[in-house]
């Protein structure tokens, strides 16, 4: 499951490209990269997609935002939006994890009290 740009791996990007029925050139250029780099990600020669490209993949293909990365200014604006979205999603995920940890701790304390009684 893809929650943030951190979840965009080369394998995920390839799956997104294929499910979008796009050529490598069209997919990778749509996020400010090129076909050659995209090929290297997809075949495993490059292990990590740079964060700006991961963010743009997330925004375009997961969040379904219409992006214009044809200029450096447009790409930079999209990256700022992506960073804000990623931070909010991370905070929400951390909050949910903290609530679950609290619930588990309370349950463990109840069990400990029952055993001690």
PDB file of N, CA and C in Angstrom:
ATOM      1  N   UNK A   1       0.842  -1.178   0.000  1.00  0.00           N
ATOM      2  CA  UNK A   1       0.000   0.000   0.000  1.00  0.00           C
ATOM      3  C   UNK A   1       0.893   1.250   0.000  1.00  0.00           C
ATOM      4  N   UNK A   2       0.493   2.231  -0.750  1.00  0.00           N
ATOM      5  CA  UNK A   2       1.283   3.444  -0.898  1.00  0.00           C
ATOM      6  C   UNK A   2       0.631   4.557  -0.084  1.00  0.00           C
ATOM      7  N   UNK A   3       1.350   5.014   0.969  1.00  0.00           N
ATOM      8  CA  UNK A   3       0.832   6.070   1.838  1.00  0.00           C
ATOM      9  C   UNK A   3       1.530   7.400   1.607  1.00  0.00           C
ATOM     10  N   UNK A   4       2.829   7.360   1.337  1.00  0.00           N
ATOM     11  CA  UNK A   4       3.604   8.585   1.122  1.00  0.00           C
ATOM     12  C   UNK A   4       4.614   8.332   0.004  1.00  0.00           C
ATOM     13  N   UNK A   5       5.366   9.376  -0.321  1.00  0.00           N
ATOM     14  CA  UNK A   5       6.385   9.226  -1.356  1.00  0.00           C
ATOM     15  C   UNK A   5       7.471   8.229  -0.949  1.00  0.00           C
ATOM     16  N   UNK A   6       7.615   7.971   0.355  1.00  0.00           N
ATOM     17  CA  UNK A   6       8.619   7.001   0.811  1.00  0.00           C
ATOM     18  C   UNK A   6       8.297   5.588   0.337  1.00  0.00           C
ATOM     19  N   UNK A   7       7.023   5.353   0.010  1.00  0.00           N
ATOM     20  CA  UNK A   7       6.594   4.037  -0.444  1.00  0.00           C
ATOM     21  C   UNK A   7       6.827   3.822  -1.936  1.00  0.00           C
ATOM     22  N   UNK A   8       7.312   4.840  -2.632  1.00  0.00           N
ATOM     23  CA  UNK A   8       7.572   4.731  -4.072  1.00  0.00           C
ATOM     24  C   UNK A   8       8.966   4.131  -4.269  1.00  0.00           C
ATOM     25  N   UNK A   9       8.993   2.863  -4.576  1.00  0.00           N
ATOM     26  CA  UNK A   9      10.242   2.159  -4.886  1.00  0.00           C
ATOM     27  C   UNK A   9      10.333   2.007  -6.403  1.00  0.00           C
ATOM     28  N   UNK A  10      11.485   1.592  -6.922  1.00  0.00           N
ATOM     29  CA  UNK A  10      11.554   1.349  -8.365  1.00  0.00           C
ATOM     30  C   UNK A  10      10.502   0.334  -8.837  1.00  0.00           C
ATOM     31  N   UNK A  11      10.242  -0.692  -8.026  1.00  0.00           N
ATOM     32  CA  UNK A  11       9.247  -1.691  -8.400  1.00  0.00           C
ATOM     33  C   UNK A  11       7.844  -1.091  -8.449  1.00  0.00           C
ATOM     34  N   UNK A  12       7.529  -0.266  -7.460  1.00  0.00           N
ATOM     35  CA  UNK A  12       6.223   0.393  -7.418  1.00  0.00           C
ATOM     36  C   UNK A  12       6.073   1.336  -8.603  1.00  0.00           C
ATOM     37  N   UNK A  13       7.126   2.090  -8.901  1.00  0.00           N
ATOM     38  CA  UNK A  13       7.075   3.019 -10.032  1.00  0.00           C
ATOM     39  C   UNK A  13       6.820   2.261 -11.335  1.00  0.00           C
ATOM     40  N   UNK A  14       7.491   1.141 -11.499  1.00  0.00           N
ATOM     41  CA  UNK A  14       7.288   0.344 -12.713  1.00  0.00           C
ATOM     42  C   UNK A  14       5.847  -0.151 -12.795  1.00  0.00           C
ATOM     43  N   UNK A  15       5.310  -0.628 -11.658  1.00  0.00           N
ATOM     44  CA  UNK A  15       3.914  -1.082 -11.642  1.00  0.00           C
ATOM     45  C   UNK A  15       2.958   0.055 -11.984  1.00  0.00           C
ATOM     46  N   UNK A  16       3.227   1.247 -11.443  1.00  0.00           N
ATOM     47  CA  UNK A  16       2.384   2.408 -11.758  1.00  0.00           C
ATOM     48  C   UNK A  16       2.459   2.746 -13.242  1.00  0.00           C
ATOM     49  N   UNK A  17       3.660   2.689 -13.792  1.00  0.00           N
ATOM     50  CA  UNK A  17       3.830   2.989 -15.224  1.00  0.00           C
ATOM     51  C   UNK A  17       3.066   1.990 -16.072  1.00  0.00           C
ATOM     52  N   UNK A  18       3.216   0.711 -15.762  1.00  0.00           N
ATOM     53  CA  UNK A  18       2.553  -0.326 -16.547  1.00  0.00           C
ATOM     54  C   UNK A  18       1.033  -0.223 -16.411  1.00  0.00           C
ATOM     55  N   UNK A  19       0.554  -0.002 -15.171  1.00  0.00           N
ATOM     56  CA  UNK A  19      -0.898   0.106 -14.978  1.00  0.00           C
ATOM     57  C   UNK A  19      -1.467   1.356 -15.651  1.00  0.00           C
ATOM     58  N   UNK A  20      -0.621   2.373 -15.841  1.00  0.00           N
ATOM     59  CA  UNK A  20      -1.050   3.587 -16.546  1.00  0.00           C
ATOM     60  C   UNK A  20      -0.920   3.437 -18.057  1.00  0.00           C
ATOM     61  N   UNK A  21      -0.388   2.289 -18.486  1.00  0.00           N
ATOM     62  CA  UNK A  21      -0.189   1.996 -19.913  1.00  0.00           C
ATOM     63  C   UNK A  21       0.648   3.062 -20.602  1.00  0.00           C
ATOM     64  N   UNK A  22       1.754   3.403 -19.934  1.00  0.00           N
ATOM     65  CA  UNK A  22       2.639   4.441 -20.467  1.00  0.00           C
ATOM     66  C   UNK A  22       3.979   3.838 -20.849  1.00  0.00           C
ATOM     67  N   UNK A  23       4.615   4.468 -21.824  1.00  0.00           N
ATOM     68  CA  UNK A  23       5.983   4.077 -22.154  1.00  0.00           C
ATOM     69  C   UNK A  23       6.900   4.599 -21.054  1.00  0.00           C
ATOM     70  N   UNK A  24       8.094   4.041 -20.991  1.00  0.00           N
ATOM     71  CA  UNK A  24       9.066   4.559 -20.029  1.00  0.00           C
ATOM     72  C   UNK A  24       9.301   6.036 -20.272  1.00  0.00           C
ATOM     73  N   UNK A  25       9.469   6.423 -21.516  1.00  0.00           N
ATOM     74  CA  UNK A  25       9.748   7.827 -21.837  1.00  0.00           C
ATOM     75  C   UNK A  25       8.628   8.725 -21.319  1.00  0.00           C
ATOM     76  N   UNK A  26       7.389   8.410 -21.619  1.00  0.00           N
ATOM     77  CA  UNK A  26       6.263   9.263 -21.210  1.00  0.00           C
ATOM     78  C   UNK A  26       6.136   9.323 -19.691  1.00  0.00           C
ATOM     79  N   UNK A  27       6.253   8.175 -19.033  1.00  0.00           N
ATOM     80  CA  UNK A  27       6.094   8.139 -17.580  1.00  0.00           C
ATOM     81  C   UNK A  27       7.188   8.942 -16.885  1.00  0.00           C
ATOM     82  N   UNK A  28       8.440   8.640 -17.201  1.00  0.00           N
ATOM     83  CA  UNK A  28       9.543   9.268 -16.474  1.00  0.00           C
ATOM     84  C   UNK A  28       9.670  10.744 -16.817  1.00  0.00           C
ATOM     85  N   UNK A  29       9.389  11.147 -18.046  1.00  0.00           N
ATOM     86  CA  UNK A  29       9.429  12.568 -18.383  1.00  0.00           C
ATOM     87  C   UNK A  29       8.302  13.336 -17.694  1.00  0.00           C
ATOM     88  N   UNK A  30       7.182  12.654 -17.412  1.00  0.00           N
ATOM     89  CA  UNK A  30       6.060  13.326 -16.737  1.00  0.00           C
ATOM     90  C   UNK A  30       6.398  13.726 -15.310  1.00  0.00           C
ATOM     91  N   UNK A  31       7.481  13.167 -14.768  1.00  0.00           N
ATOM     92  CA  UNK A  31       7.903  13.506 -13.406  1.00  0.00           C
ATOM     93  C   UNK A  31       9.301  14.125 -13.395  1.00  0.00           C
ATOM     94  N   UNK A  32       9.696  14.685 -14.527  1.00  0.00           N
ATOM     95  CA  UNK A  32      10.944  15.430 -14.590  1.00  0.00           C
ATOM     96  C   UNK A  32      12.210  14.606 -14.725  1.00  0.00           C
ATOM     97  N   UNK A  33      12.084  13.341 -15.059  1.00  0.00           N
ATOM     98  CA  UNK A  33      13.256  12.496 -15.256  1.00  0.00           C
ATOM     99  C   UNK A  33      13.381  12.202 -16.749  1.00  0.00           C
ATOM    100  N   UNK A  34      14.087  11.134 -17.094  1.00  0.00           N
ATOM    101  CA  UNK A  34      14.169  10.746 -18.500  1.00  0.00           C
ATOM    102  C   UNK A  34      14.071   9.235 -18.621  1.00  0.00           C
ATOM    103  N   UNK A  35      13.906   8.766 -19.837  1.00  0.00           N
ATOM    104  CA  UNK A  35      13.700   7.338 -20.078  1.00  0.00           C
ATOM    105  C   UNK A  35      14.895   6.512 -19.625  1.00  0.00           C
ATOM    106  N   UNK A  36      16.094   6.984 -19.870  1.00  0.00           N
ATOM    107  CA  UNK A  36      17.286   6.211 -19.504  1.00  0.00           C
ATOM    108  C   UNK A  36      17.364   5.998 -17.994  1.00  0.00           C
ATOM    109  N   UNK A  37      17.154   7.058 -17.232  1.00  0.00           N
ATOM    110  CA  UNK A  37      17.172   6.909 -15.767  1.00  0.00           C
ATOM    111  C   UNK A  37      16.051   5.988 -15.309  1.00  0.00           C
ATOM    112  N   UNK A  38      14.867   6.178 -15.883  1.00  0.00           N
ATOM    113  CA  UNK A  38      13.734   5.318 -15.528  1.00  0.00           C
ATOM    114  C   UNK A  38      14.031   3.857 -15.803  1.00  0.00           C
ATOM    115  N   UNK A  39      14.660   3.583 -16.929  1.00  0.00           N
ATOM    116  CA  UNK A  39      15.040   2.207 -17.264  1.00  0.00           C
ATOM    117  C   UNK A  39      15.961   1.627 -16.196  1.00  0.00           C
ATOM    118  N   UNK A  40      16.954   2.411 -15.777  1.00  0.00           N
ATOM    119  CA  UNK A  40      17.897   1.922 -14.767  1.00  0.00           C
ATOM    120  C   UNK A  40      17.193   1.662 -13.435  1.00  0.00           C
ATOM    121  N   UNK A  41      16.219   2.490 -13.078  1.00  0.00           N
ATOM    122  CA  UNK A  41      15.453   2.224 -11.857  1.00  0.00           C
ATOM    123  C   UNK A  41      14.680   0.914 -12.014  1.00  0.00           C
ATOM    124  N   UNK A  42      14.012   0.768 -13.143  1.00  0.00           N
ATOM    125  CA  UNK A  42      13.135  -0.374 -13.344  1.00  0.00           C
ATOM    126  C   UNK A  42      13.870  -1.701 -13.421  1.00  0.00           C
ATOM    127  N   UNK A  43      15.087  -1.719 -13.936  1.00  0.00           N
ATOM    128  CA  UNK A  43      15.834  -2.977 -14.032  1.00  0.00           C
ATOM    129  C   UNK A  43      16.727  -3.221 -12.825  1.00  0.00           C
ATOM    130  N   UNK A  44      16.726  -2.295 -11.871  1.00  0.00           N
ATOM    131  CA  UNK A  44      17.469  -2.507 -10.639  1.00  0.00           C
ATOM    132  C   UNK A  44      18.910  -2.042 -10.647  1.00  0.00           C
ATOM    133  N   UNK A  45      19.341  -1.363 -11.689  1.00  0.00           N
ATOM    134  CA  UNK A  45      20.716  -0.851 -11.727  1.00  0.00           C
ATOM    135  C   UNK A  45      20.888   0.331 -10.777  1.00  0.00           C
ATOM    136  N   UNK A  46      19.799   1.074 -10.557  1.00  0.00           N
ATOM    137  CA  UNK A  46      19.779   2.143  -9.551  1.00  0.00           C
ATOM    138  C   UNK A  46      18.752   1.735  -8.517  1.00  0.00           C
ATOM    139  N   UNK A  47      19.166   1.676  -7.273  1.00  0.00           N
ATOM    140  CA  UNK A  47      18.307   1.132  -6.217  1.00  0.00           C
ATOM    141  C   UNK A  47      17.292   2.119  -5.666  1.00  0.00           C
ATOM    142  N   UNK A  48      17.638   3.402  -5.640  1.00  0.00           N
ATOM    143  CA  UNK A  48      16.750   4.389  -5.023  1.00  0.00           C
ATOM    144  C   UNK A  48      16.405   5.503  -5.996  1.00  0.00           C
ATOM    145  N   UNK A  49      15.128   5.803  -6.051  1.00  0.00           N
ATOM    146  CA  UNK A  49      14.669   6.938  -6.842  1.00  0.00           C
ATOM    147  C   UNK A  49      14.862   8.180  -5.982  1.00  0.00           C
ATOM    148  N   UNK A  50      15.468   9.244  -6.513  1.00  0.00           N
ATOM    149  CA  UNK A  50      15.651  10.467  -5.714  1.00  0.00           C
ATOM    150  C   UNK A  50      14.307  10.990  -5.189  1.00  0.00           C
ATOM    151  N   UNK A  51      14.350  11.563  -3.992  1.00  0.00           N
ATOM    152  CA  UNK A  51      13.119  12.008  -3.344  1.00  0.00           C
ATOM    153  C   UNK A  51      12.279  12.957  -4.197  1.00  0.00           C
ATOM    154  N   UNK A  52      12.863  13.957  -4.873  1.00  0.00           N
ATOM    155  CA  UNK A  52      12.008  14.834  -5.682  1.00  0.00           C
ATOM    156  C   UNK A  52      11.208  14.063  -6.738  1.00  0.00           C
ATOM    157  N   UNK A  53      11.823  13.076  -7.352  1.00  0.00           N
ATOM    158  CA  UNK A  53      11.119  12.292  -8.368  1.00  0.00           C
ATOM    159  C   UNK A  53      10.065  11.404  -7.706  1.00  0.00           C
ATOM    160  N   UNK A  54      10.407  10.779  -6.565  1.00  0.00           N
ATOM    161  CA  UNK A  54       9.412   9.972  -5.829  1.00  0.00           C
ATOM    162  C   UNK A  54       8.199  10.819  -5.467  1.00  0.00           C
ATOM    163  N   UNK A  55       8.470  12.051  -5.011  1.00  0.00           N
ATOM    164  CA  UNK A  55       7.381  12.952  -4.616  1.00  0.00           C
ATOM    165  C   UNK A  55       6.492  13.266  -5.810  1.00  0.00           C
ATOM    166  N   UNK A  56       7.103  13.555  -6.947  1.00  0.00           N
ATOM    167  CA  UNK A  56       6.309  13.865  -8.132  1.00  0.00           C
ATOM    168  C   UNK A  56       5.523  12.648  -8.625  1.00  0.00           C
ATOM    169  N   UNK A  57       6.104  11.456  -8.533  1.00  0.00           N
ATOM    170  CA  UNK A  57       5.361  10.235  -8.884  1.00  0.00           C
ATOM    171  C   UNK A  57       4.156  10.097  -7.960  1.00  0.00           C
ATOM    172  N   UNK A  58       4.378  10.294  -6.670  1.00  0.00           N
ATOM    173  CA  UNK A  58       3.280  10.194  -5.708  1.00  0.00           C
ATOM    174  C   UNK A  58       2.175  11.189  -6.038  1.00  0.00           C
ATOM    175  N   UNK A  59       2.550  12.445  -6.257  1.00  0.00           N
ATOM    176  CA  UNK A  59       1.549  13.480  -6.523  1.00  0.00           C
ATOM    177  C   UNK A  59       0.773  13.211  -7.810  1.00  0.00           C
ATOM    178  N   UNK A  60       1.467  12.792  -8.845  1.00  0.00           N
ATOM    179  CA  UNK A  60       0.810  12.606 -10.140  1.00  0.00           C
ATOM    180  C   UNK A  60       0.014  11.307 -10.205  1.00  0.00           C
ATOM    181  N   UNK A  61       0.587  10.207  -9.738  1.00  0.00           N
ATOM    182  CA  UNK A  61      -0.025   8.908  -9.981  1.00  0.00           C
ATOM    183  C   UNK A  61      -0.763   8.312  -8.788  1.00  0.00           C
ATOM    184  N   UNK A  62      -0.528   8.818  -7.591  1.00  0.00           N
ATOM    185  CA  UNK A  62      -1.269   8.347  -6.420  1.00  0.00           C
ATOM    186  C   UNK A  62      -2.289   9.402  -5.995  1.00  0.00           C
ATOM    187  N   UNK A  63      -1.838  10.651  -5.792  1.00  0.00           N
ATOM    188  CA  UNK A  63      -2.749  11.721  -5.397  1.00  0.00           C
ATOM    189  C   UNK A  63      -3.561  12.234  -6.588  1.00  0.00           C
ATOM    190  N   UNK A  64      -3.145  11.854  -7.796  1.00  0.00           N
ATOM    191  CA  UNK A  64      -3.851  12.229  -9.032  1.00  0.00           C
ATOM    192  C   UNK A  64      -3.925  13.736  -9.250  1.00  0.00           C
ATOM    193  N   UNK A  65      -2.839  14.442  -8.904  1.00  0.00           N
ATOM    194  CA  UNK A  65      -2.776  15.882  -9.162  1.00  0.00           C
ATOM    195  C   UNK A  65      -2.217  16.111 -10.561  1.00  0.00           C
ATOM    196  N   UNK A  66      -2.788  17.053 -11.263  1.00  0.00           N
ATOM    197  CA  UNK A  66      -2.291  17.398 -12.587  1.00  0.00           C
ATOM    198  C   UNK A  66      -1.072  18.295 -12.406  1.00  0.00           C
ATOM    199  N   UNK A  67       0.083  17.799 -12.780  1.00  0.00           N
ATOM    200  CA  UNK A  67       1.333  18.506 -12.540  1.00  0.00           C
ATOM    201  C   UNK A  67       1.885  19.137 -13.800  1.00  0.00           C
ATOM    202  N   UNK A  68       2.518  20.267 -13.626  1.00  0.00           N
ATOM    203  CA  UNK A  68       3.286  20.862 -14.716  1.00  0.00           C
ATOM    204  C   UNK A  68       4.721  20.968 -14.227  1.00  0.00           C
ATOM    205  N   UNK A  69       5.541  20.038 -14.680  1.00  0.00           N
ATOM    206  CA  UNK A  69       6.950  20.061 -14.285  1.00  0.00           C
ATOM    207  C   UNK A  69       7.826  20.451 -15.472  1.00  0.00           C
ATOM    208  N   UNK A  70       7.219  21.152 -16.409  1.00  0.00           N
ATOM    209  CA  UNK A  70       7.962  21.530 -17.609  1.00  0.00           C
ATOM    210  C   UNK A  70       8.950  22.667 -17.348  1.00  0.00           C
ATOM    211  N   UNK A  71       8.793  23.351 -16.211  1.00  0.00           N
ATOM    212  CA  UNK A  71       9.739  24.402 -15.852  1.00  0.00           C
ATOM    213  C   UNK A  71      10.290  24.109 -14.461  1.00  0.00           C
ATOM    214  N   UNK A  72      11.474  24.601 -14.156  1.00  0.00           N
ATOM    215  CA  UNK A  72      12.013  24.402 -12.806  1.00  0.00           C
ATOM    216  C   UNK A  72      11.098  24.989 -11.724  1.00  0.00           C
ATOM    217  N   UNK A  73      10.459  26.121 -12.032  1.00  0.00           N
ATOM    218  CA  UNK A  73       9.573  26.750 -11.050  1.00  0.00           C
ATOM    219  C   UNK A  73       8.350  25.872 -10.775  1.00  0.00           C
ATOM    220  N   UNK A  74       7.788  25.316 -11.848  1.00  0.00           N
ATOM    221  CA  UNK A  74       6.623  24.436 -11.694  1.00  0.00           C
ATOM    222  C   UNK A  74       6.973  23.195 -10.897  1.00  0.00           C
ATOM    223  N   UNK A  75       8.111  22.599 -11.190  1.00  0.00           N
ATOM    224  CA  UNK A  75       8.553  21.414 -10.458  1.00  0.00           C
ATOM    225  C   UNK A  75       8.795  21.753  -8.988  1.00  0.00           C
ATOM    226  N   UNK A  76       9.427  22.885  -8.725  1.00  0.00           N
ATOM    227  CA  UNK A  76       9.710  23.287  -7.343  1.00  0.00           C
ATOM    228  C   UNK A  76       8.417  23.508  -6.566  1.00  0.00           C
ATOM    229  N   UNK A  77       7.426  24.114  -7.217  1.00  0.00           N
ATOM    230  CA  UNK A  77       6.138  24.334  -6.547  1.00  0.00           C
ATOM    231  C   UNK A  77       5.481  23.000  -6.203  1.00  0.00           C
ATOM    232  N   UNK A  78       5.538  22.061  -7.117  1.00  0.00           N
ATOM    233  CA  UNK A  78       4.943  20.748  -6.860  1.00  0.00           C
ATOM    234  C   UNK A  78       5.685  20.024  -5.738  1.00  0.00           C
ATOM    235  N   UNK A  79       7.000  20.180  -5.681  1.00  0.00           N
ATOM    236  CA  UNK A  79       7.768  19.536  -4.617  1.00  0.00           C
ATOM    237  C   UNK A  79       7.409  20.125  -3.256  1.00  0.00           C
ATOM    238  N   UNK A  80       7.175  21.425  -3.196  1.00  0.00           N
ATOM    239  CA  UNK A  80       6.760  22.038  -1.927  1.00  0.00           C
ATOM    240  C   UNK A  80       5.415  21.482  -1.483  1.00  0.00           C
ATOM    241  N   UNK A  81       4.476  21.380  -2.412  1.00  0.00           N
ATOM    242  CA  UNK A  81       3.168  20.811  -2.100  1.00  0.00           C
ATOM    243  C   UNK A  81       3.330  19.360  -1.645  1.00  0.00           C
ATOM    244  N   UNK A  82       4.154  18.629  -2.342  1.00  0.00           N
ATOM    245  CA  UNK A  82       4.387  17.227  -1.987  1.00  0.00           C
ATOM    246  C   UNK A  82       4.979  17.067  -0.603  1.00  0.00           C
ATOM    247  N   UNK A  83       5.915  17.940  -0.250  1.00  0.00           N
ATOM    248  CA  UNK A  83       6.529  17.869   1.079  1.00  0.00           C
ATOM    249  C   UNK A  83       5.495  18.142   2.165  1.00  0.00           C
ATOM    250  N   UNK A  84       4.611  19.095   1.919  1.00  0.00           N
ATOM    251  CA  UNK A  84       3.557  19.395   2.897  1.00  0.00           C
ATOM    252  C   UNK A  84       2.596  18.217   3.047  1.00  0.00           C
ATOM    253  N   UNK A  85       2.205  17.632   1.927  1.00  0.00           N
ATOM    254  CA  UNK A  85       1.298  16.482   1.976  1.00  0.00           C
ATOM    255  C   UNK A  85       1.965  15.315   2.700  1.00  0.00           C
ATOM    256  N   UNK A  86       3.216  15.045   2.360  1.00  0.00           N
ATOM    257  CA  UNK A  86       3.941  13.937   2.990  1.00  0.00           C
ATOM    258  C   UNK A  86       4.060  14.137   4.496  1.00  0.00           C
ATOM    259  N   UNK A  87       4.341  15.366   4.915  1.00  0.00           N
ATOM    260  CA  UNK A  87       4.470  15.650   6.351  1.00  0.00           C
ATOM    261  C   UNK A  87       3.139  15.420   7.070  1.00  0.00           C
ATOM    262  N   UNK A  88       2.048  15.852   6.467  1.00  0.00           N
ATOM    263  CA  UNK A  88       0.732  15.655   7.086  1.00  0.00           C
ATOM    264  C   UNK A  88       0.373  14.170   7.157  1.00  0.00           C
ATOM    265  N   UNK A  89       0.674  13.431   6.109  1.00  0.00           N
ATOM    266  CA  UNK A  89       0.395  11.996   6.121  1.00  0.00           C
ATOM    267  C   UNK A  89       1.243  11.275   7.166  1.00  0.00           C
ATOM    268  N   UNK A  90       2.512  11.651   7.257  1.00  0.00           N
ATOM    269  CA  UNK A  90       3.412  11.061   8.266  1.00  0.00           C
ATOM    270  C   UNK A  90       2.906  11.353   9.668  1.00  0.00           C
ATOM    271  N   UNK A  91       2.466  12.577   9.919  1.00  0.00           N
ATOM    272  CA  UNK A  91       1.946  12.959  11.235  1.00  0.00           C
ATOM    273  C   UNK A  91       0.692  12.153  11.571  1.00  0.00           C
ATOM    274  N   UNK A  92      -0.184  11.990  10.601  1.00  0.00           N
ATOM    275  CA  UNK A  92      -1.402  11.209  10.833  1.00  0.00           C
ATOM    276  C   UNK A  92      -1.064   9.750  11.115  1.00  0.00           C
ATOM    277  N   UNK A  93      -0.096   9.209  10.388  1.00  0.00           N
ATOM    278  CA  UNK A  93       0.304   7.817  10.619  1.00  0.00           C
ATOM    279  C   UNK A  93       0.942   7.667  12.002  1.00  0.00           C
ATOM    280  N   UNK A  94       1.779   8.623  12.412  1.00  0.00           N
ATOM    281  CA  UNK A  94       2.412   8.575  13.735  1.00  0.00           C
ATOM    282  C   UNK A  94       1.363   8.689  14.838  1.00  0.00           C
ATOM    283  N   UNK A  95       0.367   9.548  14.636  1.00  0.00           N
ATOM    284  CA  UNK A  95      -0.706   9.702  15.609  1.00  0.00           C
ATOM    285  C   UNK A  95      -1.486   8.400  15.762  1.00  0.00           C
ATOM    286  N   UNK A  96      -1.797   7.758  14.661  1.00  0.00           N
ATOM    287  CA  UNK A  96      -2.515   6.485  14.715  1.00  0.00           C
ATOM    288  C   UNK A  96      -1.678   5.411  15.423  1.00  0.00           C
ATOM    289  N   UNK A  97      -0.381   5.390  15.167  1.00  0.00           N
ATOM    290  CA  UNK A  97       0.502   4.423  15.824  1.00  0.00           C
ATOM    291  C   UNK A  97       0.580   4.689  17.321  1.00  0.00           C
ATOM    292  N   UNK A  98       0.616   5.956  17.720  1.00  0.00           N
ATOM    293  CA  UNK A  98       0.662   6.312  19.144  1.00  0.00           C
ATOM    294  C   UNK A  98      -0.627   5.889  19.843  1.00  0.00           C
ATOM    295  N   UNK A  99      -1.764   6.094  19.192  1.00  0.00           N
ATOM    296  CA  UNK A  99      -3.047   5.681  19.778  1.00  0.00           C
ATOM    297  C   UNK A  99      -3.106   4.165  19.942  1.00  0.00           C
ATOM    298  N   UNK A 100      -2.611   3.446  18.957  1.00  0.00           N
ATOM    299  CA  UNK A 100      -2.597   1.985  19.050  1.00  0.00           C
ATOM    300  C   UNK A 100      -1.661   1.525  20.161  1.00  0.00           C
ATOM    301  N   UNK A 101      -0.512   2.157  20.305  1.00  0.00           N
ATOM    302  CA  UNK A 101       0.427   1.810  21.373  1.00  0.00           C
ATOM    303  C   UNK A 101      -0.193   2.077  22.744  1.00  0.00           C
ATOM    304  N   UNK A 102      -0.919   3.168  22.875  1.00  0.00           N
ATOM    305  CA  UNK A 102      -1.603   3.487  24.135  1.00  0.00           C
ATOM    306  C   UNK A 102      -2.657   2.433  24.448  1.00  0.00           C
ATOM    307  N   UNK A 103      -3.408   2.029  23.439  1.00  0.00           N
ATOM    308  CA  UNK A 103      -4.440   1.008  23.639  1.00  0.00           C
ATOM    309  C   UNK A 103      -3.815  -0.313  24.098  1.00  0.00           C
ATOM    310  N   UNK A 104      -2.730  -0.693  23.487  1.00  0.00           N
ATOM    311  CA  UNK A 104      -2.046  -1.944  23.851  1.00  0.00           C
ATOM    312  C   UNK A 104      -1.490  -1.860  25.267  1.00  0.00           C
ATOM    313  N   UNK A 105      -0.908  -0.711  25.612  1.00  0.00           N
ATOM    314  CA  UNK A 105      -0.353  -0.526  26.959  1.00  0.00           C
ATOM    315  C   UNK A 105      -1.456  -0.609  28.013  1.00  0.00           C
ATOM    316  N   UNK A 106      -2.606   0.002  27.758  1.00  0.00           N
ATOM    317  CA  UNK A 106      -3.722  -0.053  28.716  1.00  0.00           C
ATOM    318  C   UNK A 106      -4.225  -1.478  28.882  1.00  0.00           C
ATOM    319  N   UNK A 107      -4.308  -2.193  27.793  1.00  0.00           N
ATOM    320  CA  UNK A 107      -4.745  -3.599  27.856  1.00  0.00           C
ATOM    321  C   UNK A 107      -3.746  -4.437  28.654  1.00  0.00           C
ATOM    322  N   UNK A 108      -2.463  -4.207  28.429  1.00  0.00           N
ATOM    323  CA  UNK A 108      -1.443  -4.944  29.178  1.00  0.00           C
ATOM    324  C   UNK A 108      -1.510  -4.608  30.670  1.00  0.00           C
ATOM    325  N   UNK A 109      -1.767  -3.346  30.999  1.00  0.00           N
ATOM    326  CA  UNK A 109      -1.883  -2.946  32.409  1.00  0.00           C
ATOM    327  C   UNK A 109      -3.096  -3.617  33.049  1.00  0.00           C
ATOM    328  N   UNK A 110      -4.219  -3.705  32.330  1.00  0.00           N
ATOM    329  CA  UNK A 110      -5.410  -4.386  32.870  1.00  0.00           C
ATOM    330  C   UNK A 110      -5.115  -5.850  33.145  1.00  0.00           C
ATOM    331  N   UNK A 111      -4.440  -6.498  32.204  1.00  0.00           N
ATOM    332  CA  UNK A 111      -4.090  -7.912  32.399  1.00  0.00           C
ATOM    333  C   UNK A 111      -3.153  -8.092  33.573  1.00  0.00           C
ATOM    334  N   UNK A 112      -2.175  -7.180  33.714  1.00  0.00           N
ATOM    335  CA  UNK A 112      -1.237  -7.267  34.843  1.00  0.00           C
ATOM    336  C   UNK A 112      -1.967  -7.111  36.164  1.00  0.00           C
ATOM    337  N   UNK A 113      -2.938  -6.193  36.239  1.00  0.00           N
ATOM    338  CA  UNK A 113      -3.710  -5.996  37.479  1.00  0.00           C
ATOM    339  C   UNK A 113      -4.529  -7.238  37.804  1.00  0.00           C
ATOM    340  N   UNK A 114      -5.116  -7.871  36.783  1.00  0.00           N
ATOM    341  CA  UNK A 114      -5.889  -9.096  37.022  1.00  0.00           C
ATOM    342  C   UNK A 114      -4.998 -10.222  37.531  1.00  0.00           C
ATOM    343  N   UNK A 115      -3.823 -10.332  36.971  1.00  0.00           N
ATOM    344  CA  UNK A 115      -2.902 -11.388  37.421  1.00  0.00           C
ATOM    345  C   UNK A 115      -2.431 -11.120  38.833  1.00  0.00           C
ATOM    346  N   UNK A 116      -2.151  -9.863  39.154  1.00  0.00           N
ATOM    347  CA  UNK A 116      -1.646  -9.501  40.484  1.00  0.00           C
ATOM    348  C   UNK A 116      -2.721  -9.647  41.558  1.00  0.00           C
ATOM    349  N   UNK A 117      -3.986  -9.586  41.185  1.00  0.00           N
ATOM    350  CA  UNK A 117      -5.073  -9.627  42.179  1.00  0.00           C
ATOM    351  C   UNK A 117      -5.359 -10.986  42.708  1.00  0.00           C
TER     352      UNK A 117
END
